[in-house]
Amino acid sequence: MRILIINFFIFLITTNVYGSNLNIFGIGLYDVKFDNSAKHETVDIRYERRFDNTLLDIGPKEDNFFFLKPFIGLEYTGDSASYFITGIYLEDNLGQLLKGEKNRLLFTPSFGVGYYNNGSGKNLGNEIQFRTTLELSYELKNQNRIGFSFGHISNANLGDKNPGAEIINITYQVPY
């Protein structure tokens, strides 16, 4: 596990990146249940590095909503659960998407897969987990962003059980 963490941080430090990439720092609640049935609700701390390199352009050039881009990340909970993730995201300016003119609101859905270790927290039924996240963020004057995200982690029935977990985060995003 230590080797995986060391390699992850070496990758972050030495990666040659281009464009307006983002460092995402988040804090929130892990295993949120809206019916008050959560048994493992705890703090969730998240870091992601989003790259501005387009992997796949599946839409018209004037609409950047369909540019799939990569990200890597790490989540850690108050119960010592850890999740190393990589995936794709797309991002669009909500004003441009809805009204045809840009504003400061951005919508960012993402999908990823990664290695999950439950630590002393919730057992999600498998080490391989998938995460889908919807995020809404507001761009500040200095180009940093404040955001709110809602995500779901699941093993897609790869394990004997598949309880899943919902995560709510408040994020601060810094371009580099």
Protein backbone atom coordinates (compact mmCIF):
# COMPACT_ATOMS: atom_id res chain seq x y z
CA MET A 1 0.00 0.00 0.00
CA ARG A 2 2.86 2.38 0.80
CA ILE A 3 4.38 1.80 -2.63
CA LEU A 4 1.06 2.69 -4.28
CA ILE A 5 0.80 5.93 -2.30
CA ILE A 6 4.44 6.87 -3.02
CA ASN A 7 3.96 6.20 -6.76
CA PHE A 8 0.78 8.27 -6.75
CA PHE A 9 2.57 11.32 -5.29
CA ILE A 10 5.58 10.90 -7.59
CA PHE A 11 3.16 10.90 -10.52
CA LEU A 12 1.54 14.12 -9.25
CA ILE A 13 4.89 15.88 -8.85
CA THR A 14 6.52 14.79 -12.11
CA THR A 15 3.64 14.76 -14.60
CA ASN A 16 4.06 17.14 -17.54
CA VAL A 17 0.65 18.75 -18.01
CA TYR A 18 -0.81 21.32 -20.38
CA GLY A 19 -3.60 23.89 -20.38
CA SER A 20 -5.86 24.89 -17.52
CA ASN A 21 -5.61 21.82 -15.32
CA LEU A 22 -7.23 21.82 -11.88
CA ASN A 23 -6.29 20.67 -8.39
CA ILE A 24 -9.50 19.79 -6.54
CA PHE A 25 -9.57 19.79 -2.73
CA GLY A 26 -12.77 18.57 -1.10
CA ILE A 27 -14.24 17.84 2.28
CA GLY A 28 -17.63 16.39 3.03
CA LEU A 29 -19.65 13.43 4.28
CA TYR A 30 -19.17 9.79 3.29
CA ASP A 31 -22.06 7.28 3.30
CA VAL A 32 -24.78 9.91 3.45
CA LYS A 33 -28.31 8.50 3.67
CA PHE A 34 -31.27 10.82 3.38
CA ASP A 35 -33.55 8.46 5.33
CA ASN A 36 -31.38 8.60 8.51
CA SER A 37 -30.31 4.94 8.09
CA ALA A 38 -26.56 5.60 7.73
CA LYS A 39 -24.43 3.45 10.01
CA HIS A 40 -21.02 4.45 8.68
CA GLU A 41 -21.42 8.18 8.05
CA THR A 42 -18.07 9.89 8.46
CA VAL A 43 -15.86 12.66 7.11
CA ASP A 44 -14.65 12.37 3.51
CA ILE A 45 -11.50 14.13 2.29
CA ARG A 46 -10.86 14.22 -1.44
CA TYR A 47 -8.08 15.31 -3.77
CA GLU A 48 -8.30 15.15 -7.55
CA ARG A 49 -6.09 16.33 -10.35
CA ARG A 50 -8.04 17.10 -13.51
CA PHE A 51 -6.15 17.34 -16.76
CA ASP A 52 -7.22 19.58 -19.63
CA ASN A 53 -6.05 17.10 -22.30
CA THR A 54 -8.99 15.95 -24.39
CA LEU A 55 -9.05 12.17 -24.75
CA LEU A 56 -12.07 11.98 -27.01
CA ASP A 57 -13.95 14.71 -28.83
CA ILE A 58 -17.47 13.43 -29.49
CA GLY A 59 -19.27 16.69 -30.21
CA PRO A 60 -19.14 19.86 -32.30
CA LYS A 61 -16.09 22.09 -31.86
CA GLU A 62 -18.15 25.08 -30.70
CA ASP A 63 -19.58 23.04 -27.80
CA ASN A 64 -16.90 21.83 -25.37
CA PHE A 65 -19.38 19.73 -23.38
CA PHE A 66 -18.42 16.55 -25.21
CA PHE A 67 -14.65 16.70 -24.66
CA LEU A 68 -13.81 13.75 -22.39
CA LYS A 69 -10.79 14.52 -20.21
CA PRO A 70 -8.85 12.41 -17.66
CA PHE A 71 -8.53 12.77 -13.89
CA ILE A 72 -6.84 10.93 -11.04
CA GLY A 73 -7.71 11.18 -7.38
CA LEU A 74 -7.60 9.99 -3.83
CA GLU A 75 -10.33 9.90 -1.18
CA TYR A 76 -9.85 9.17 2.49
CA THR A 77 -12.52 8.85 5.19
CA GLY A 78 -12.61 9.33 8.94
CA ASP A 79 -12.83 5.50 9.22
CA SER A 80 -9.47 5.09 7.42
CA ALA A 81 -11.09 3.93 4.18
CA SER A 82 -9.08 4.94 1.12
CA TYR A 83 -9.97 5.07 -2.55
CA PHE A 84 -7.52 5.60 -5.42
CA ILE A 85 -9.40 6.51 -8.59
CA THR A 86 -8.82 7.38 -12.22
CA GLY A 87 -11.45 8.28 -14.76
CA ILE A 88 -12.93 10.75 -17.19
CA TYR A 89 -14.90 13.94 -16.80
CA LEU A 90 -16.51 16.52 -19.01
CA GLU A 91 -17.20 20.10 -18.15
CA ASP A 92 -19.50 22.77 -19.49
CA ASN A 93 -20.37 26.32 -18.68
CA LEU A 94 -24.05 26.26 -17.65
CA GLY A 95 -24.77 29.69 -19.11
CA GLN A 96 -23.39 28.68 -22.48
CA LEU A 97 -25.20 25.34 -22.34
CA LEU A 98 -28.61 26.77 -21.37
CA LYS A 99 -28.65 30.35 -22.72
CA GLY A 100 -25.82 30.50 -25.24
CA GLU A 101 -23.72 32.97 -23.24
CA LYS A 102 -21.03 32.13 -20.69
CA ASN A 103 -21.41 32.78 -16.99
CA ARG A 104 -19.47 31.66 -13.89
CA LEU A 105 -21.40 28.40 -13.23
CA LEU A 106 -19.83 25.13 -14.38
CA PHE A 107 -21.33 21.64 -14.52
CA THR A 108 -18.93 18.69 -14.30
CA PRO A 109 -20.12 15.05 -14.42
CA SER A 110 -17.43 12.39 -14.02
CA PHE A 111 -17.01 8.62 -14.03
CA GLY A 112 -14.09 6.66 -12.61
CA VAL A 113 -12.85 3.30 -11.41
CA GLY A 114 -10.36 2.56 -8.69
CA TYR A 115 -8.99 0.56 -5.79
CA TYR A 116 -10.94 0.76 -2.50
CA ASN A 117 -9.70 -0.28 0.94
CA ASN A 118 -12.40 -0.08 3.62
CA GLY A 119 -9.97 0.41 6.53
CA SER A 120 -12.17 0.22 9.64
CA GLY A 121 -15.16 1.66 7.77
CA LYS A 122 -17.91 0.43 5.51
CA ASN A 123 -17.27 -2.77 3.54
CA LEU A 124 -18.37 -2.11 -0.04
CA GLY A 125 -18.04 -5.75 -1.11
CA ASN A 126 -15.03 -5.53 -3.43
CA GLU A 127 -11.71 -3.76 -3.83
CA ILE A 128 -12.69 -2.54 -7.31
CA GLN A 129 -15.21 0.31 -7.10
CA PHE A 130 -16.80 2.66 -9.63
CA ARG A 131 -17.73 6.26 -8.86
CA THR A 132 -20.10 8.61 -10.62
CA THR A 133 -20.17 12.25 -9.55
CA LEU A 134 -22.17 15.34 -10.46
CA GLU A 135 -20.59 18.67 -9.58
CA LEU A 136 -21.71 22.27 -9.77
CA SER A 137 -19.05 24.96 -9.26
CA TYR A 138 -18.77 28.73 -9.33
CA GLU A 139 -15.69 30.42 -10.83
CA LEU A 140 -14.28 33.24 -8.71
CA LYS A 141 -12.58 36.36 -10.14
CA ASN A 142 -9.13 34.83 -9.56
CA GLN A 143 -10.22 31.73 -11.62
CA ASN A 144 -10.32 29.51 -8.55
CA ARG A 145 -13.65 27.75 -8.03
CA ILE A 146 -15.93 26.76 -5.19
CA GLY A 147 -18.09 23.73 -5.84
CA PHE A 148 -20.58 21.23 -4.51
CA SER A 149 -20.57 17.59 -5.60
CA PHE A 150 -22.69 14.52 -5.08
CA GLY A 151 -21.20 11.11 -5.85
CA HIS A 152 -21.99 7.42 -5.61
CA ILE A 153 -19.47 4.59 -5.20
CA SER A 154 -20.49 1.05 -6.14
CA ASN A 155 -18.84 -2.21 -7.16
CA ALA A 156 -21.40 -2.78 -9.96
CA ASN A 157 -22.22 -6.21 -8.48
CA LEU A 158 -18.65 -7.51 -8.85
CA GLY A 159 -18.71 -8.65 -5.21
CA ASP A 160 -20.98 -10.81 -3.07
CA LYS A 161 -22.66 -7.66 -1.81
CA ASN A 162 -23.01 -4.17 -3.23
CA PRO A 163 -24.14 -1.69 -0.56
CA GLY A 164 -22.64 1.39 -2.24
CA ALA A 165 -22.03 4.74 -0.59
CA GLU A 166 -23.13 8.29 -1.34
CA ILE A 167 -20.74 11.19 -0.86
CA ILE A 168 -21.40 14.91 -0.58
CA ASN A 169 -18.41 17.27 -0.87
CA ILE A 170 -17.70 20.97 -0.86
CA THR A 171 -14.70 21.61 -3.11
CA TYR A 172 -12.13 24.32 -3.68
CA GLN A 173 -10.54 24.14 -7.12
CA VAL A 174 -7.25 25.73 -8.05
CA PRO A 175 -6.01 25.95 -11.67
CA TYR A 176 -2.33 25.35 -12.37
